[in-house]
Amino acid sequence: MGIETIAAALSEPRDAIEDIIEPYLIQQGFVQRTPRGRVLTPQAFRHMGLAVPSREIAPEAAEV
């Protein structure tokens, strides 16, 4: 999922996502930026009460 989609879903400007929200989520250990895009960490899944995807599918399934 791209940054524009996230911004639209949250009704926030792209700059707010990149400058405020994303750094906070990275600092808290919920999001990682990878060459393939942003991914949720296992900690994020646990925080939301969701099962952590298996290692084989985690990078693709967790992309945000």
C-alpha atoms as a PDB file:
ATOM      1  CA  MET A   1       0.000   0.000   0.000  1.00  0.00           C
ATOM      2  CA  GLY A   2       1.413   3.360  -0.954  1.00  0.00           C
ATOM      3  CA  ILE A   3       1.745   6.520   1.085  1.00  0.00           C
ATOM      4  CA  GLU A   4      -1.008   8.244  -0.914  1.00  0.00           C
ATOM      5  CA  THR A   5      -3.464   5.458  -0.047  1.00  0.00           C
ATOM      6  CA  ILE A   6      -2.556   5.680   3.631  1.00  0.00           C
ATOM      7  CA  ALA A   7      -2.915   9.471   3.585  1.00  0.00           C
ATOM      8  CA  ALA A   8      -6.330   9.244   1.930  1.00  0.00           C
ATOM      9  CA  ALA A   9      -7.542   6.583   4.374  1.00  0.00           C
ATOM     10  CA  LEU A  10      -6.498   8.744   7.336  1.00  0.00           C
ATOM     11  CA  SER A  11      -7.641  12.032   5.760  1.00  0.00           C
ATOM     12  CA  GLU A  12      -4.178  13.428   6.434  1.00  0.00           C
ATOM     13  CA  PRO A  13      -1.788  15.132   4.029  1.00  0.00           C
ATOM     14  CA  ARG A  14       1.099  13.019   2.770  1.00  0.00           C
ATOM     15  CA  ASP A  15       3.581  15.309   4.537  1.00  0.00           C
ATOM     16  CA  ALA A  16       1.953  14.654   7.919  1.00  0.00           C
ATOM     17  CA  ILE A  17       2.233  10.911   7.376  1.00  0.00           C
ATOM     18  CA  GLU A  18       5.896  11.081   6.344  1.00  0.00           C
ATOM     19  CA  ASP A  19       7.022  13.735   8.835  1.00  0.00           C
ATOM     20  CA  ILE A  20       5.012  12.908  11.975  1.00  0.00           C
ATOM     21  CA  ILE A  21       3.121   9.621  11.963  1.00  0.00           C
ATOM     22  CA  GLU A  22       5.588   7.330  10.184  1.00  0.00           C
ATOM     23  CA  PRO A  23       8.629   8.323  12.305  1.00  0.00           C
ATOM     24  CA  TYR A  24       6.587   7.688  15.459  1.00  0.00           C
ATOM     25  CA  LEU A  25       5.497   4.239  14.255  1.00  0.00           C
ATOM     26  CA  ILE A  26       9.091   3.396  13.316  1.00  0.00           C
ATOM     27  CA  GLN A  27      10.345   4.623  16.707  1.00  0.00           C
ATOM     28  CA  GLN A  28       7.745   2.470  18.483  1.00  0.00           C
ATOM     29  CA  GLY A  29       8.822  -0.552  16.436  1.00  0.00           C
ATOM     30  CA  PHE A  30       5.538  -1.001  14.556  1.00  0.00           C
ATOM     31  CA  VAL A  31       6.725  -0.169  11.017  1.00  0.00           C
ATOM     32  CA  GLN A  32       9.924  -0.781   9.081  1.00  0.00           C
ATOM     33  CA  ARG A  33      10.904   0.834   5.794  1.00  0.00           C
ATOM     34  CA  THR A  34      12.387  -1.646   3.355  1.00  0.00           C
ATOM     35  CA  PRO A  35      13.434  -1.438  -0.298  1.00  0.00           C
ATOM     36  CA  ARG A  36      10.017  -2.961  -1.092  1.00  0.00           C
ATOM     37  CA  GLY A  37       8.106  -0.396   0.950  1.00  0.00           C
ATOM     38  CA  ARG A  38       6.728  -0.107   4.456  1.00  0.00           C
ATOM     39  CA  VAL A  39       6.030  -3.292   6.409  1.00  0.00           C
ATOM     40  CA  LEU A  40       4.378  -3.991   9.724  1.00  0.00           C
ATOM     41  CA  THR A  41       6.546  -5.668  12.326  1.00  0.00           C
ATOM     42  CA  PRO A  42       5.488  -8.670  14.418  1.00  0.00           C
ATOM     43  CA  GLN A  43       5.181  -6.221  17.326  1.00  0.00           C
ATOM     44  CA  ALA A  44       2.542  -4.270  15.365  1.00  0.00           C
ATOM     45  CA  PHE A  45       0.493  -7.404  14.719  1.00  0.00           C
ATOM     46  CA  ARG A  46       0.628  -8.355  18.414  1.00  0.00           C
ATOM     47  CA  HIS A  47      -0.321  -4.814  19.450  1.00  0.00           C
ATOM     48  CA  MET A  48      -3.444  -5.037  17.278  1.00  0.00           C
ATOM     49  CA  GLY A  49      -4.301  -8.482  18.626  1.00  0.00           C
ATOM     50  CA  LEU A  50      -3.640 -10.183  15.294  1.00  0.00           C
ATOM     51  CA  ALA A  51      -1.727 -13.356  14.559  1.00  0.00           C
ATOM     52  CA  VAL A  52       1.772 -12.707  13.265  1.00  0.00           C
ATOM     53  CA  PRO A  53       2.037 -14.048   9.686  1.00  0.00           C
ATOM     54  CA  SER A  54       4.465 -16.888   9.119  1.00  0.00           C
ATOM     55  CA  ARG A  55       7.964 -15.926   8.028  1.00  0.00           C
ATOM     56  CA  GLU A  56       7.383 -17.127   4.461  1.00  0.00           C
ATOM     57  CA  ILE A  57       4.564 -14.660   3.814  1.00  0.00           C
ATOM     58  CA  ALA A  58       5.352 -11.859   6.270  1.00  0.00           C
ATOM     59  CA  PRO A  59       7.066  -9.376   3.897  1.00  0.00           C
ATOM     60  CA  GLU A  60       4.338  -9.538   1.257  1.00  0.00           C
ATOM     61  CA  ALA A  61       1.371  -9.923   3.617  1.00  0.00           C
ATOM     62  CA  ALA A  62       2.442  -7.126   5.906  1.00  0.00           C
ATOM     63  CA  GLU A  63       3.229  -4.458   3.334  1.00  0.00           C
ATOM     64  CA  VAL A  64       1.597  -1.142   4.097  1.00  0.00           C
END
